[in-house]
Amino acid sequence: MSKKWGPPQYGSNVKGATYESFSKIQAESELRHRAINKAILDLALDSGASLPGLEYEASLTNGLQTDAIFATGPSRVALEFHHKAKNETTNNKVAIYILEKLKEYAVNFGLADR
């Protein structure tokens, strides 16, 4: 039986304490970005995720560093973490961030000109 995503079966919406905790993580992100990313991936690994050849702050191509990469057969997957406060995650701001990342990847992989 597959897990269905949606509202929790028990409990209620996100509590203030969760937002406060996230704000604290976001405040530390500038100084401890790698440690936070490692903690997230350590939890994933502890939960049974398979991330062969996991490397932190590595590059898939020259000039384009990502937070982490891992292998999937002959390919490698880049992971990019983004820790932002609630007020920085409007649809518009997230869309702009994603488009900028896509542009950066396209330029670095030679798919587009600057």
N, C-alpha and C. Protein backbone atom coordinates (compact mmCIF):
# COMPACT_ATOMS: atom_id res chain seq x y z
N MET A 1 0.84 -1.17 0.00
CA MET A 1 0.00 0.00 0.00
C MET A 1 0.89 1.24 0.00
N SER A 2 0.66 2.13 -0.93
CA SER A 2 1.49 3.32 -1.02
C SER A 2 0.97 4.41 -0.09
N LYS A 3 1.88 5.23 0.37
CA LYS A 3 1.52 6.34 1.25
C LYS A 3 0.85 7.42 0.44
N LYS A 4 -0.28 7.90 0.90
CA LYS A 4 -0.97 9.00 0.25
C LYS A 4 -0.64 10.27 1.00
N TRP A 5 -0.20 11.28 0.25
CA TRP A 5 0.18 12.54 0.86
C TRP A 5 -1.03 13.44 0.97
N GLY A 6 -1.07 14.23 1.97
CA GLY A 6 -2.17 15.16 2.19
C GLY A 6 -2.18 15.59 3.63
N PRO A 7 -3.29 16.13 4.08
CA PRO A 7 -3.37 16.57 5.47
C PRO A 7 -3.13 15.40 6.42
N PRO A 8 -2.54 15.67 7.57
CA PRO A 8 -2.29 14.58 8.52
C PRO A 8 -3.61 13.99 8.99
N GLN A 9 -3.56 12.69 9.28
CA GLN A 9 -4.77 12.03 9.77
C GLN A 9 -5.07 12.44 11.20
N TYR A 10 -4.05 12.77 11.94
CA TYR A 10 -4.20 13.16 13.33
C TYR A 10 -3.55 14.52 13.53
N GLY A 11 -4.04 15.27 14.45
CA GLY A 11 -3.42 16.56 14.74
C GLY A 11 -4.02 17.67 13.90
N SER A 12 -3.30 18.77 13.84
CA SER A 12 -3.83 19.93 13.14
C SER A 12 -2.75 20.54 12.26
N ASN A 13 -2.98 21.72 11.77
CA ASN A 13 -2.02 22.41 10.92
C ASN A 13 -0.73 22.71 11.67
N VAL A 14 0.24 23.22 10.95
CA VAL A 14 1.54 23.55 11.52
C VAL A 14 1.37 24.53 12.68
N LYS A 15 2.07 24.26 13.74
CA LYS A 15 2.01 25.10 14.94
C LYS A 15 3.07 26.19 14.89
N GLY A 16 2.88 27.20 15.70
CA GLY A 16 3.83 28.31 15.78
C GLY A 16 5.24 27.85 16.11
N ALA A 17 5.36 26.82 16.95
CA ALA A 17 6.69 26.33 17.33
C ALA A 17 7.46 25.82 16.12
N THR A 18 6.74 25.22 15.15
CA THR A 18 7.40 24.73 13.94
C THR A 18 7.94 25.90 13.14
N TYR A 19 7.13 26.95 12.98
CA TYR A 19 7.60 28.13 12.26
C TYR A 19 8.77 28.78 12.97
N GLU A 20 8.72 28.83 14.31
CA GLU A 20 9.83 29.40 15.08
C GLU A 20 11.11 28.59 14.87
N SER A 21 10.98 27.26 14.88
CA SER A 21 12.15 26.40 14.68
C SER A 21 12.72 26.61 13.29
N PHE A 22 11.84 26.69 12.28
CA PHE A 22 12.31 26.90 10.93
C PHE A 22 13.02 28.24 10.81
N SER A 23 12.49 29.26 11.46
CA SER A 23 13.14 30.58 11.42
C SER A 23 14.54 30.52 12.02
N LYS A 24 14.69 29.73 13.09
CA LYS A 24 16.01 29.58 13.71
C LYS A 24 16.98 28.88 12.75
N ILE A 25 16.49 27.84 12.05
CA ILE A 25 17.33 27.15 11.08
C ILE A 25 17.73 28.10 9.96
N GLN A 26 16.75 28.86 9.47
CA GLN A 26 17.02 29.80 8.39
C GLN A 26 18.04 30.84 8.81
N ALA A 27 17.97 31.31 10.04
CA ALA A 27 18.91 32.30 10.54
C ALA A 27 20.34 31.73 10.59
N GLU A 28 20.46 30.44 10.84
CA GLU A 28 21.78 29.80 10.90
C GLU A 28 22.29 29.40 9.52
N SER A 29 21.41 29.39 8.54
CA SER A 29 21.75 28.86 7.22
C SER A 29 22.94 29.56 6.58
N GLU A 30 23.04 30.85 6.72
CA GLU A 30 24.16 31.57 6.11
C GLU A 30 25.51 31.05 6.61
N LEU A 31 25.58 30.76 7.91
CA LEU A 31 26.85 30.34 8.50
C LEU A 31 27.03 28.83 8.51
N ARG A 32 25.92 28.09 8.57
CA ARG A 32 26.02 26.64 8.77
C ARG A 32 25.25 25.85 7.72
N HIS A 33 25.23 26.37 6.50
CA HIS A 33 24.46 25.77 5.41
C HIS A 33 24.84 24.30 5.21
N ARG A 34 26.12 24.02 5.13
CA ARG A 34 26.58 22.64 4.89
C ARG A 34 26.18 21.72 6.04
N ALA A 35 26.33 22.16 7.28
CA ALA A 35 25.97 21.32 8.44
C ALA A 35 24.47 21.00 8.44
N ILE A 36 23.66 21.99 8.08
CA ILE A 36 22.20 21.76 8.02
C ILE A 36 21.89 20.76 6.91
N ASN A 37 22.49 20.93 5.74
CA ASN A 37 22.26 20.00 4.63
C ASN A 37 22.70 18.58 5.00
N LYS A 38 23.85 18.47 5.68
CA LYS A 38 24.34 17.16 6.09
C LYS A 38 23.37 16.52 7.08
N ALA A 39 22.85 17.30 8.01
CA ALA A 39 21.88 16.76 8.98
C ALA A 39 20.63 16.25 8.28
N ILE A 40 20.16 16.99 7.27
CA ILE A 40 18.98 16.55 6.51
C ILE A 40 19.26 15.23 5.80
N LEU A 41 20.41 15.15 5.14
CA LEU A 41 20.73 13.93 4.41
C LEU A 41 21.07 12.78 5.34
N ASP A 42 21.64 13.06 6.51
CA ASP A 42 21.86 12.00 7.50
C ASP A 42 20.54 11.38 7.92
N LEU A 43 19.52 12.21 8.10
CA LEU A 43 18.19 11.70 8.43
C LEU A 43 17.63 10.84 7.30
N ALA A 44 17.83 11.29 6.06
CA ALA A 44 17.37 10.51 4.92
C ALA A 44 18.07 9.15 4.88
N LEU A 45 19.39 9.16 5.10
CA LEU A 45 20.15 7.90 5.11
C LEU A 45 19.69 7.00 6.25
N ASP A 46 19.48 7.57 7.43
CA ASP A 46 19.01 6.80 8.58
C ASP A 46 17.63 6.19 8.33
N SER A 47 16.86 6.83 7.45
CA SER A 47 15.51 6.35 7.13
C SER A 47 15.51 5.33 5.99
N GLY A 48 16.70 5.02 5.48
CA GLY A 48 16.80 3.98 4.46
C GLY A 48 17.03 4.48 3.04
N ALA A 49 17.22 5.77 2.85
CA ALA A 49 17.49 6.29 1.51
C ALA A 49 18.83 5.77 1.01
N SER A 50 18.91 5.56 -0.27
CA SER A 50 20.16 5.11 -0.89
C SER A 50 20.73 6.28 -1.68
N LEU A 51 21.89 6.76 -1.25
CA LEU A 51 22.55 7.89 -1.89
C LEU A 51 24.01 7.52 -2.15
N PRO A 52 24.25 6.58 -3.08
CA PRO A 52 25.62 6.11 -3.32
C PRO A 52 26.54 7.23 -3.81
N GLY A 53 27.75 7.22 -3.29
CA GLY A 53 28.74 8.21 -3.70
C GLY A 53 28.40 9.62 -3.28
N LEU A 54 27.67 9.78 -2.18
CA LEU A 54 27.25 11.10 -1.71
C LEU A 54 28.45 12.00 -1.43
N GLU A 55 28.41 13.19 -2.01
CA GLU A 55 29.45 14.21 -1.79
C GLU A 55 28.76 15.53 -1.49
N TYR A 56 29.34 16.30 -0.59
CA TYR A 56 28.80 17.62 -0.24
C TYR A 56 29.59 18.71 -0.94
N GLU A 57 28.87 19.77 -1.32
CA GLU A 57 29.47 20.92 -1.98
C GLU A 57 30.37 20.47 -3.12
N ALA A 58 29.76 19.77 -4.05
CA ALA A 58 30.47 19.20 -5.18
C ALA A 58 29.91 19.77 -6.48
N SER A 59 30.59 19.50 -7.58
CA SER A 59 30.18 20.04 -8.87
C SER A 59 29.89 18.92 -9.85
N LEU A 60 28.82 19.10 -10.63
CA LEU A 60 28.55 18.22 -11.76
C LEU A 60 29.31 18.69 -12.99
N THR A 61 29.60 19.97 -13.01
CA THR A 61 30.34 20.57 -14.12
C THR A 61 31.15 21.74 -13.58
N ASN A 62 32.19 22.13 -14.26
CA ASN A 62 33.03 23.23 -13.80
C ASN A 62 32.23 24.50 -13.60
N GLY A 63 32.47 25.16 -12.48
CA GLY A 63 31.84 26.44 -12.21
C GLY A 63 30.44 26.38 -11.65
N LEU A 64 29.94 25.18 -11.34
CA LEU A 64 28.58 25.06 -10.84
C LEU A 64 28.56 24.11 -9.65
N GLN A 65 28.73 24.68 -8.47
CA GLN A 65 28.74 23.88 -7.25
C GLN A 65 27.32 23.69 -6.75
N THR A 66 27.00 22.47 -6.31
CA THR A 66 25.71 22.18 -5.71
C THR A 66 25.93 21.73 -4.28
N ASP A 67 24.85 21.71 -3.51
CA ASP A 67 24.97 21.35 -2.09
C ASP A 67 25.40 19.91 -1.90
N ALA A 68 24.94 19.02 -2.76
CA ALA A 68 25.32 17.61 -2.66
C ALA A 68 25.06 16.94 -4.00
N ILE A 69 25.80 15.86 -4.25
CA ILE A 69 25.55 15.03 -5.42
C ILE A 69 25.63 13.57 -4.99
N PHE A 70 24.92 12.71 -5.75
CA PHE A 70 25.04 11.28 -5.53
C PHE A 70 24.83 10.58 -6.88
N ALA A 71 25.20 9.31 -6.95
CA ALA A 71 25.14 8.56 -8.20
C ALA A 71 23.83 7.78 -8.29
N THR A 72 23.33 7.67 -9.51
CA THR A 72 22.20 6.79 -9.82
C THR A 72 22.57 6.05 -11.09
N GLY A 73 23.21 4.91 -10.92
CA GLY A 73 23.71 4.20 -12.08
C GLY A 73 24.83 5.01 -12.72
N PRO A 74 24.76 5.21 -14.04
CA PRO A 74 25.82 5.96 -14.71
C PRO A 74 25.68 7.48 -14.55
N SER A 75 24.55 7.94 -14.04
CA SER A 75 24.30 9.37 -13.90
C SER A 75 24.55 9.84 -12.47
N ARG A 76 24.68 11.16 -12.33
CA ARG A 76 24.78 11.75 -11.00
C ARG A 76 23.64 12.75 -10.84
N VAL A 77 23.14 12.87 -9.62
CA VAL A 77 22.04 13.76 -9.31
C VAL A 77 22.55 14.87 -8.41
N ALA A 78 22.17 16.10 -8.71
CA ALA A 78 22.55 17.26 -7.90
C ALA A 78 21.40 17.59 -6.95
N LEU A 79 21.73 17.88 -5.71
CA LEU A 79 20.76 18.33 -4.72
C LEU A 79 21.08 19.76 -4.34
N GLU A 80 20.09 20.60 -4.36
CA GLU A 80 20.27 22.00 -3.99
C GLU A 80 19.24 22.32 -2.91
N PHE A 81 19.71 22.65 -1.72
CA PHE A 81 18.82 22.98 -0.61
C PHE A 81 18.64 24.49 -0.53
N HIS A 82 17.48 24.88 -0.14
CA HIS A 82 17.16 26.30 -0.07
C HIS A 82 16.42 26.55 1.25
N HIS A 83 17.07 27.21 2.19
CA HIS A 83 16.49 27.47 3.50
C HIS A 83 16.03 28.92 3.54
N LYS A 84 14.74 29.11 3.49
CA LYS A 84 14.22 30.48 3.50
C LYS A 84 13.10 30.61 4.52
N ALA A 85 12.97 31.79 5.06
CA ALA A 85 11.92 32.08 6.03
C ALA A 85 10.56 32.10 5.33
N LYS A 86 9.51 31.94 6.10
CA LYS A 86 8.15 31.89 5.56
C LYS A 86 7.84 33.10 4.68
N ASN A 87 8.25 34.29 5.10
CA ASN A 87 7.94 35.49 4.33
C ASN A 87 8.76 35.59 3.04
N GLU A 88 9.75 34.71 2.86
CA GLU A 88 10.57 34.71 1.65
C GLU A 88 10.14 33.61 0.68
N THR A 89 9.04 32.94 0.97
CA THR A 89 8.63 31.82 0.13
C THR A 89 7.26 32.05 -0.51
N THR A 90 7.06 33.22 -1.02
CA THR A 90 5.84 33.46 -1.80
C THR A 90 6.00 32.75 -3.15
N ASN A 91 4.90 32.50 -3.83
CA ASN A 91 4.98 31.84 -5.13
C ASN A 91 5.91 32.58 -6.08
N ASN A 92 5.83 33.89 -6.09
CA ASN A 92 6.66 34.70 -6.99
C ASN A 92 8.14 34.54 -6.66
N LYS A 93 8.50 34.63 -5.39
CA LYS A 93 9.91 34.53 -5.00
C LYS A 93 10.48 33.14 -5.28
N VAL A 94 9.67 32.10 -5.05
CA VAL A 94 10.13 30.74 -5.32
C VAL A 94 10.30 30.54 -6.82
N ALA A 95 9.35 31.05 -7.62
CA ALA A 95 9.44 30.92 -9.07
C ALA A 95 10.70 31.62 -9.60
N ILE A 96 10.98 32.81 -9.10
CA ILE A 96 12.17 33.55 -9.52
C ILE A 96 13.43 32.77 -9.16
N TYR A 97 13.48 32.22 -7.95
CA TYR A 97 14.64 31.44 -7.52
C TYR A 97 14.86 30.24 -8.43
N ILE A 98 13.79 29.50 -8.72
CA ILE A 98 13.90 28.30 -9.57
C ILE A 98 14.34 28.68 -10.98
N LEU A 99 13.77 29.74 -11.53
CA LEU A 99 14.16 30.16 -12.88
C LEU A 99 15.62 30.60 -12.93
N GLU A 100 16.08 31.29 -11.90
CA GLU A 100 17.50 31.69 -11.86
C GLU A 100 18.40 30.47 -11.79
N LYS A 101 18.02 29.46 -11.00
CA LYS A 101 18.82 28.23 -10.91
C LYS A 101 18.84 27.52 -12.26
N LEU A 102 17.68 27.43 -12.92
CA LEU A 102 17.62 26.78 -14.23
C LEU A 102 18.50 27.52 -15.24
N LYS A 103 18.48 28.84 -15.19
CA LYS A 103 19.33 29.63 -16.08
C LYS A 103 20.80 29.34 -15.81
N GLU A 104 21.18 29.31 -14.53
CA GLU A 104 22.57 29.03 -14.15
C GLU A 104 23.00 27.66 -14.66
N TYR A 105 22.15 26.65 -14.50
CA TYR A 105 22.47 25.31 -14.99
C TYR A 105 22.57 25.30 -16.51
N ALA A 106 21.63 25.95 -17.20
CA ALA A 106 21.64 25.96 -18.67
C ALA A 106 22.91 26.61 -19.20
N VAL A 107 23.35 27.71 -18.60
CA VAL A 107 24.57 28.37 -19.03
C VAL A 107 25.78 27.48 -18.77
N ASN A 108 25.86 26.90 -17.58
CA ASN A 108 27.02 26.09 -17.22
C ASN A 108 27.10 24.77 -17.98
N PHE A 109 25.96 24.25 -18.43
CA PHE A 109 25.97 23.02 -19.21
C PHE A 109 26.03 23.31 -20.71
N GLY A 110 26.20 24.60 -21.08
CA GLY A 110 26.33 24.96 -22.48
C GLY A 110 25.04 24.91 -23.27
N LEU A 111 23.91 24.93 -22.58
CA LEU A 111 22.61 24.88 -23.25
C LEU A 111 22.08 26.26 -23.60
N ALA A 112 22.66 27.29 -23.00
CA ALA A 112 22.20 28.67 -23.25
C ALA A 112 23.38 29.61 -23.08
N ASP A 113 23.27 30.75 -23.71
CA ASP A 113 24.30 31.80 -23.56
C ASP A 113 23.91 32.71 -22.41
N ARG A 114 24.90 33.36 -21.84
CA ARG A 114 24.64 34.29 -20.74
C ARG A 114 23.96 35.52 -21.22
